[in-house]
Structure formats: structure tokens, C-alpha cells
N, C-alpha and C. Protein backbone atom coordinates (compact mmCIF):
# COMPACT_ATOMS: atom_id res chain seq x y z
N MET A 1 -20.21 -13.37 29.14
CA MET A 1 -19.02 -12.54 29.25
C MET A 1 -18.55 -12.48 30.70
N ASN A 2 -17.26 -12.38 30.84
CA ASN A 2 -16.76 -12.31 32.21
C ASN A 2 -16.90 -10.89 32.77
N ASP A 3 -16.73 -10.79 34.08
CA ASP A 3 -16.94 -9.51 34.77
C ASP A 3 -15.99 -8.42 34.30
N PHE A 4 -14.77 -8.81 33.94
CA PHE A 4 -13.78 -7.82 33.51
C PHE A 4 -14.26 -7.12 32.24
N VAL A 5 -14.78 -7.88 31.29
CA VAL A 5 -15.23 -7.30 30.03
C VAL A 5 -16.43 -6.39 30.26
N ILE A 6 -17.36 -6.81 31.10
CA ILE A 6 -18.55 -6.01 31.38
C ILE A 6 -18.16 -4.70 32.07
N ASN A 7 -17.28 -4.78 33.07
CA ASN A 7 -16.82 -3.56 33.76
C ASN A 7 -16.04 -2.65 32.81
N PHE A 8 -15.24 -3.26 31.95
CA PHE A 8 -14.46 -2.48 30.99
C PHE A 8 -15.40 -1.72 30.06
N LYS A 9 -16.45 -2.38 29.57
CA LYS A 9 -17.39 -1.72 28.68
C LYS A 9 -18.12 -0.57 29.39
N LYS A 10 -18.52 -0.80 30.63
CA LYS A 10 -19.21 0.25 31.37
C LYS A 10 -18.30 1.45 31.58
N THR A 11 -17.06 1.19 31.96
CA THR A 11 -16.10 2.28 32.18
C THR A 11 -15.84 3.03 30.88
N LEU A 12 -15.68 2.28 29.80
CA LEU A 12 -15.42 2.93 28.52
C LEU A 12 -16.62 3.75 28.05
N LYS A 13 -17.81 3.27 28.31
CA LYS A 13 -19.01 4.04 27.96
C LYS A 13 -19.06 5.35 28.74
N LYS A 14 -18.70 5.31 30.02
CA LYS A 14 -18.67 6.53 30.82
C LYS A 14 -17.66 7.53 30.28
N ILE A 15 -16.49 7.02 29.92
CA ILE A 15 -15.45 7.89 29.37
C ILE A 15 -15.93 8.51 28.07
N CYS A 16 -16.55 7.71 27.23
CA CYS A 16 -17.04 8.22 25.94
C CYS A 16 -18.10 9.28 26.14
N ARG A 17 -18.96 9.09 27.10
CA ARG A 17 -20.02 10.09 27.36
C ARG A 17 -19.43 11.41 27.82
N THR A 18 -18.36 11.35 28.59
CA THR A 18 -17.77 12.60 29.07
C THR A 18 -16.91 13.27 28.01
N VAL A 19 -16.26 12.50 27.16
CA VAL A 19 -15.36 13.08 26.17
C VAL A 19 -16.11 13.55 24.94
N TYR A 20 -17.02 12.73 24.44
CA TYR A 20 -17.73 13.05 23.21
C TYR A 20 -19.13 13.54 23.55
N THR A 21 -19.41 14.77 23.20
CA THR A 21 -20.72 15.34 23.49
C THR A 21 -21.66 15.19 22.31
N HIS A 22 -21.14 14.98 21.13
CA HIS A 22 -21.98 14.82 19.95
C HIS A 22 -22.61 13.44 19.97
N SER A 23 -23.94 13.39 19.88
CA SER A 23 -24.66 12.12 20.04
C SER A 23 -24.33 11.13 18.93
N GLY A 24 -24.05 11.60 17.70
CA GLY A 24 -23.71 10.69 16.60
C GLY A 24 -22.41 9.96 16.86
N SER A 25 -21.40 10.70 17.33
CA SER A 25 -20.11 10.08 17.64
C SER A 25 -20.24 9.12 18.80
N LEU A 26 -21.02 9.49 19.80
CA LEU A 26 -21.19 8.64 20.96
C LEU A 26 -21.88 7.33 20.58
N SER A 27 -22.90 7.41 19.75
CA SER A 27 -23.60 6.18 19.37
C SER A 27 -22.71 5.26 18.54
N LYS A 28 -21.87 5.84 17.68
CA LYS A 28 -20.94 5.02 16.89
C LYS A 28 -19.94 4.32 17.79
N ILE A 29 -19.42 5.04 18.78
CA ILE A 29 -18.44 4.45 19.69
C ILE A 29 -19.09 3.36 20.52
N ILE A 30 -20.32 3.58 20.99
CA ILE A 30 -21.01 2.57 21.80
C ILE A 30 -21.28 1.32 20.96
N LYS A 31 -21.65 1.50 19.68
CA LYS A 31 -21.85 0.34 18.81
C LYS A 31 -20.57 -0.45 18.63
N ILE A 32 -19.45 0.24 18.47
CA ILE A 32 -18.16 -0.44 18.35
C ILE A 32 -17.86 -1.22 19.61
N ILE A 33 -18.12 -0.62 20.77
CA ILE A 33 -17.86 -1.29 22.04
C ILE A 33 -18.76 -2.51 22.18
N GLU A 34 -20.02 -2.39 21.82
CA GLU A 34 -20.95 -3.51 21.97
C GLU A 34 -20.63 -4.65 21.01
N ARG A 35 -20.00 -4.35 19.87
CA ARG A 35 -19.63 -5.40 18.93
C ARG A 35 -18.34 -6.11 19.32
N GLY A 36 -17.72 -5.73 20.38
CA GLY A 36 -16.52 -6.43 20.82
C GLY A 36 -15.27 -5.58 20.85
N GLY A 37 -15.40 -4.32 20.65
CA GLY A 37 -14.25 -3.44 20.74
C GLY A 37 -13.65 -3.11 19.39
N ILE A 38 -12.64 -2.32 19.44
CA ILE A 38 -11.95 -1.89 18.23
C ILE A 38 -10.93 -2.96 17.88
N ARG A 39 -10.98 -3.41 16.65
CA ARG A 39 -10.06 -4.43 16.18
C ARG A 39 -9.11 -3.82 15.16
N TYR A 40 -8.00 -4.48 14.97
CA TYR A 40 -7.02 -4.07 13.98
C TYR A 40 -7.51 -4.53 12.61
N HIS A 41 -7.80 -3.59 11.73
CA HIS A 41 -8.30 -3.92 10.40
C HIS A 41 -7.15 -3.89 9.41
N GLU A 42 -7.31 -4.63 8.31
CA GLU A 42 -6.28 -4.65 7.28
C GLU A 42 -6.10 -3.28 6.65
N SER A 43 -7.17 -2.48 6.61
CA SER A 43 -7.06 -1.17 5.99
C SER A 43 -6.18 -0.23 6.81
N SER A 44 -5.93 -0.56 8.06
CA SER A 44 -5.10 0.31 8.89
C SER A 44 -3.63 -0.08 8.84
N LYS A 45 -3.29 -1.03 7.97
CA LYS A 45 -1.88 -1.36 7.82
C LYS A 45 -1.13 -0.15 7.29
N ASN A 46 0.13 -0.15 7.52
CA ASN A 46 0.95 0.99 7.15
C ASN A 46 1.08 1.11 5.63
N PHE A 47 0.73 2.27 5.09
CA PHE A 47 0.82 2.54 3.66
C PHE A 47 2.25 2.45 3.16
N TRP A 48 3.19 2.86 3.98
CA TRP A 48 4.59 2.88 3.56
C TRP A 48 5.14 1.48 3.38
N ILE A 49 4.65 0.53 4.16
CA ILE A 49 5.07 -0.86 3.98
C ILE A 49 4.58 -1.37 2.63
N LEU A 50 3.33 -1.06 2.29
CA LEU A 50 2.79 -1.47 0.99
C LEU A 50 3.59 -0.84 -0.14
N LEU A 51 3.89 0.45 -0.03
CA LEU A 51 4.65 1.13 -1.07
C LEU A 51 6.04 0.51 -1.22
N LEU A 52 6.69 0.23 -0.12
CA LEU A 52 8.02 -0.38 -0.16
C LEU A 52 7.97 -1.76 -0.81
N LEU A 53 6.98 -2.57 -0.44
CA LEU A 53 6.85 -3.89 -1.04
C LEU A 53 6.56 -3.81 -2.53
N LEU A 54 5.69 -2.88 -2.94
CA LEU A 54 5.39 -2.74 -4.36
C LEU A 54 6.61 -2.30 -5.15
N MET A 55 7.35 -1.33 -4.62
CA MET A 55 8.55 -0.87 -5.32
C MET A 55 9.59 -1.99 -5.42
N THR A 56 9.72 -2.77 -4.34
CA THR A 56 10.65 -3.89 -4.36
C THR A 56 10.22 -4.92 -5.40
N GLY A 57 8.92 -5.22 -5.46
CA GLY A 57 8.42 -6.16 -6.45
C GLY A 57 8.65 -5.69 -7.87
N ILE A 58 8.45 -4.40 -8.12
CA ILE A 58 8.65 -3.85 -9.46
C ILE A 58 10.12 -3.91 -9.85
N VAL A 59 11.00 -3.48 -8.94
CA VAL A 59 12.43 -3.45 -9.25
C VAL A 59 12.98 -4.86 -9.43
N LEU A 60 12.67 -5.75 -8.49
CA LEU A 60 13.17 -7.12 -8.62
C LEU A 60 12.57 -7.83 -9.84
N GLY A 61 11.29 -7.58 -10.12
CA GLY A 61 10.68 -8.17 -11.31
C GLY A 61 11.34 -7.67 -12.59
N GLY A 62 11.61 -6.38 -12.67
CA GLY A 62 12.30 -5.83 -13.84
C GLY A 62 13.71 -6.38 -13.97
N PHE A 63 14.40 -6.51 -12.86
CA PHE A 63 15.76 -7.07 -12.87
C PHE A 63 15.74 -8.52 -13.35
N ILE A 64 14.81 -9.30 -12.81
CA ILE A 64 14.71 -10.71 -13.21
C ILE A 64 14.32 -10.81 -14.69
N GLY A 65 13.43 -9.92 -15.14
CA GLY A 65 13.06 -9.92 -16.55
C GLY A 65 14.23 -9.62 -17.46
N ASN A 66 15.07 -8.66 -17.10
CA ASN A 66 16.26 -8.35 -17.90
C ASN A 66 17.26 -9.50 -17.88
N MET A 67 17.42 -10.14 -16.73
CA MET A 67 18.35 -11.26 -16.65
C MET A 67 17.85 -12.47 -17.44
N ALA A 68 16.53 -12.65 -17.49
CA ALA A 68 15.96 -13.82 -18.16
C ALA A 68 15.78 -13.60 -19.66
N SER A 69 16.05 -12.41 -20.16
CA SER A 69 15.83 -12.15 -21.59
C SER A 69 16.74 -12.99 -22.48
N GLY A 70 17.90 -13.37 -21.99
CA GLY A 70 18.82 -14.18 -22.79
C GLY A 70 18.58 -15.67 -22.65
N VAL A 71 17.79 -16.09 -21.68
CA VAL A 71 17.52 -17.51 -21.45
C VAL A 71 16.37 -17.93 -22.37
N ARG A 72 16.55 -19.03 -23.06
CA ARG A 72 15.61 -19.46 -24.10
C ARG A 72 14.20 -19.69 -23.55
N GLY A 73 14.04 -20.41 -22.47
CA GLY A 73 12.72 -20.74 -21.96
C GLY A 73 12.08 -19.64 -21.12
N LEU A 74 12.86 -18.65 -20.71
CA LEU A 74 12.34 -17.60 -19.83
C LEU A 74 12.29 -16.22 -20.48
N SER A 75 12.49 -16.16 -21.78
CA SER A 75 12.52 -14.85 -22.44
C SER A 75 11.17 -14.14 -22.39
N TRP A 76 10.09 -14.87 -22.16
CA TRP A 76 8.76 -14.27 -22.08
C TRP A 76 8.63 -13.37 -20.86
N LEU A 77 9.49 -13.55 -19.85
CA LEU A 77 9.43 -12.69 -18.66
C LEU A 77 9.80 -11.25 -18.98
N ASN A 78 10.58 -11.04 -20.03
CA ASN A 78 10.99 -9.68 -20.39
C ASN A 78 10.03 -9.05 -21.39
N TYR A 79 8.98 -9.74 -21.78
CA TYR A 79 8.00 -9.18 -22.71
C TYR A 79 7.21 -8.09 -22.00
N GLY A 80 7.10 -6.95 -22.65
CA GLY A 80 6.36 -5.85 -22.02
C GLY A 80 6.24 -4.66 -22.93
N GLN A 81 5.77 -3.56 -22.35
CA GLN A 81 5.52 -2.34 -23.09
C GLN A 81 6.12 -1.16 -22.33
N SER A 82 6.71 -0.23 -23.07
CA SER A 82 7.23 1.00 -22.48
C SER A 82 6.32 2.15 -22.87
N PHE A 83 6.13 3.07 -21.92
CA PHE A 83 5.36 4.27 -22.23
C PHE A 83 5.88 5.41 -21.38
N GLY A 84 5.56 6.61 -21.81
CA GLY A 84 6.01 7.81 -21.11
C GLY A 84 6.69 8.76 -22.07
N LEU A 85 7.48 9.69 -21.52
CA LEU A 85 8.25 10.64 -22.33
C LEU A 85 9.58 9.99 -22.68
N MET A 86 9.69 9.50 -23.90
CA MET A 86 10.92 8.83 -24.31
C MET A 86 12.06 9.84 -24.50
N ASP A 87 11.74 11.00 -25.05
CA ASP A 87 12.72 12.08 -25.18
C ASP A 87 12.41 13.12 -24.11
N PRO A 88 13.30 13.33 -23.16
CA PRO A 88 13.00 14.25 -22.06
C PRO A 88 12.82 15.69 -22.55
N VAL A 89 11.97 16.42 -21.86
CA VAL A 89 11.72 17.83 -22.14
C VAL A 89 12.70 18.65 -21.31
N VAL A 90 13.43 19.54 -21.96
CA VAL A 90 14.44 20.36 -21.29
C VAL A 90 13.96 21.79 -21.22
N LEU A 91 13.98 22.35 -20.01
CA LEU A 91 13.60 23.75 -19.79
C LEU A 91 14.86 24.50 -19.37
N ASP A 92 15.36 25.36 -20.27
CA ASP A 92 16.58 26.11 -20.01
C ASP A 92 16.20 27.52 -19.58
N LEU A 93 16.49 27.86 -18.31
CA LEU A 93 16.16 29.17 -17.76
C LEU A 93 17.39 30.07 -17.62
N GLY A 94 18.42 29.76 -18.32
CA GLY A 94 19.63 30.58 -18.25
C GLY A 94 20.59 30.05 -17.19
N ILE A 95 20.27 30.30 -15.93
CA ILE A 95 21.15 29.83 -14.86
C ILE A 95 20.71 28.47 -14.31
N LEU A 96 19.52 28.04 -14.72
CA LEU A 96 18.96 26.78 -14.23
C LEU A 96 18.40 25.98 -15.40
N VAL A 97 18.80 24.73 -15.51
CA VAL A 97 18.30 23.85 -16.55
C VAL A 97 17.54 22.72 -15.88
N ILE A 98 16.27 22.58 -16.24
CA ILE A 98 15.43 21.54 -15.67
C ILE A 98 15.08 20.55 -16.77
N THR A 99 15.25 19.27 -16.48
CA THR A 99 14.93 18.22 -17.43
C THR A 99 13.78 17.38 -16.89
N PHE A 100 12.71 17.30 -17.68
CA PHE A 100 11.54 16.51 -17.31
C PHE A 100 11.52 15.25 -18.16
N GLY A 101 11.38 14.11 -17.52
CA GLY A 101 11.26 12.88 -18.28
C GLY A 101 10.77 11.75 -17.40
N LEU A 102 9.97 10.90 -17.99
CA LEU A 102 9.46 9.74 -17.27
C LEU A 102 9.20 8.64 -18.28
N SER A 103 9.75 7.48 -18.02
CA SER A 103 9.53 6.33 -18.88
C SER A 103 9.31 5.12 -17.98
N ILE A 104 8.23 4.42 -18.25
CA ILE A 104 7.89 3.25 -17.45
C ILE A 104 7.84 2.04 -18.37
N ARG A 105 8.50 0.97 -17.96
CA ARG A 105 8.46 -0.28 -18.72
C ARG A 105 7.78 -1.34 -17.86
N VAL A 106 6.66 -1.80 -18.34
CA VAL A 106 5.90 -2.84 -17.65
C VAL A 106 6.20 -4.16 -18.35
N THR A 107 6.76 -5.10 -17.60
CA THR A 107 7.07 -6.42 -18.15
C THR A 107 6.28 -7.48 -17.39
N MET A 108 6.28 -8.68 -17.94
CA MET A 108 5.60 -9.79 -17.27
C MET A 108 6.23 -10.06 -15.90
N ALA A 109 7.54 -9.97 -15.84
CA ALA A 109 8.23 -10.23 -14.57
C ALA A 109 7.89 -9.17 -13.53
N SER A 110 7.74 -7.91 -13.94
CA SER A 110 7.40 -6.86 -12.97
C SER A 110 5.96 -7.03 -12.49
N ILE A 111 5.06 -7.50 -13.36
CA ILE A 111 3.69 -7.77 -12.93
C ILE A 111 3.68 -8.92 -11.92
N ILE A 112 4.45 -9.96 -12.19
CA ILE A 112 4.55 -11.07 -11.24
C ILE A 112 5.14 -10.58 -9.91
N GLY A 113 6.13 -9.69 -9.98
CA GLY A 113 6.72 -9.11 -8.77
C GLY A 113 5.71 -8.32 -7.96
N VAL A 114 4.83 -7.56 -8.62
CA VAL A 114 3.79 -6.80 -7.93
C VAL A 114 2.79 -7.74 -7.27
N VAL A 115 2.41 -8.80 -7.97
CA VAL A 115 1.47 -9.78 -7.40
C VAL A 115 2.07 -10.43 -6.16
N ILE A 116 3.34 -10.81 -6.23
CA ILE A 116 4.00 -11.41 -5.07
C ILE A 116 4.08 -10.40 -3.92
N ALA A 117 4.34 -9.13 -4.23
CA ALA A 117 4.39 -8.09 -3.18
C ALA A 117 3.03 -7.92 -2.52
N LEU A 118 1.95 -7.95 -3.30
CA LEU A 118 0.62 -7.81 -2.73
C LEU A 118 0.26 -9.01 -1.84
N ILE A 119 0.66 -10.20 -2.28
CA ILE A 119 0.43 -11.40 -1.46
C ILE A 119 1.21 -11.30 -0.15
N ALA A 120 2.47 -10.85 -0.24
CA ALA A 120 3.27 -10.69 0.97
C ALA A 120 2.66 -9.66 1.91
N TYR A 121 2.10 -8.59 1.35
CA TYR A 121 1.46 -7.55 2.18
C TYR A 121 0.23 -8.11 2.88
N ARG A 122 -0.54 -8.92 2.19
CA ARG A 122 -1.73 -9.52 2.80
C ARG A 122 -1.36 -10.49 3.92
N LEU A 123 -0.20 -11.14 3.80
CA LEU A 123 0.22 -12.10 4.81
C LEU A 123 0.84 -11.45 6.03
N ILE A 124 1.25 -10.21 5.90
CA ILE A 124 1.87 -9.51 7.04
C ILE A 124 0.81 -9.18 8.07
């Protein structure tokens, strides 16, 4: 190792000793430093990017499935199952009316869209 890395580790160890008084935390930090420092892990990717990609994959997959339903060779993309509250539940409170309803349609195209979104997330 070059001198810069060795000096950096020594300095960081001193900082850790002064900041963290708990021996368990200090030993974990020193182990991380000795293994080469803190690296960017895939688990620390932004959750919101994953959610956006998944929603985009679902919506585009559903759209493509609906568009392909009339095409003879691609009609299998629209094959799927719907589940949820088909008839919404209405709560009438006099001055306020609340309607509860949720219906999800899972199609082959939406599953393919989710898979593509997950692959895109892994490549980012």
C-alpha cells in the first residue's frame, strides 16, 4: 500500500476513536477500514428510483398488453388475472362520501415490464 492510504487509515482510526466511545462500534469501523474502506453497495441504491422503474414497467407493460390484444401473434401478452375489490365500497357520512376500491390486473406484458425494470435497476 502506498503512504497516502496508510496515513489515511491511521488518521481515520484516530477520528473513530475520538468520536465513537462504544468498543463494538469502533471495532466494526476499524474492520471496515482494514478491508479497504466503505464501498458503495447495491443495497444503498435509492429506493425511489427502484419504485419509479417498477411503476414505469408495470404501466408500460399493461399498455403494451392492451395494445397487443388485437394482434393475432401477440394476444398472449394481454393474458392475465384481475383481483381486488371489483365493486368499490362506498362510505356515506352525510357531508363526506368516501369510496374505497382497488383492482389490480397482472398480465404477461406487465410481468415482462417488471423484469425489464429490475434489470435496468441492476445496471444503474
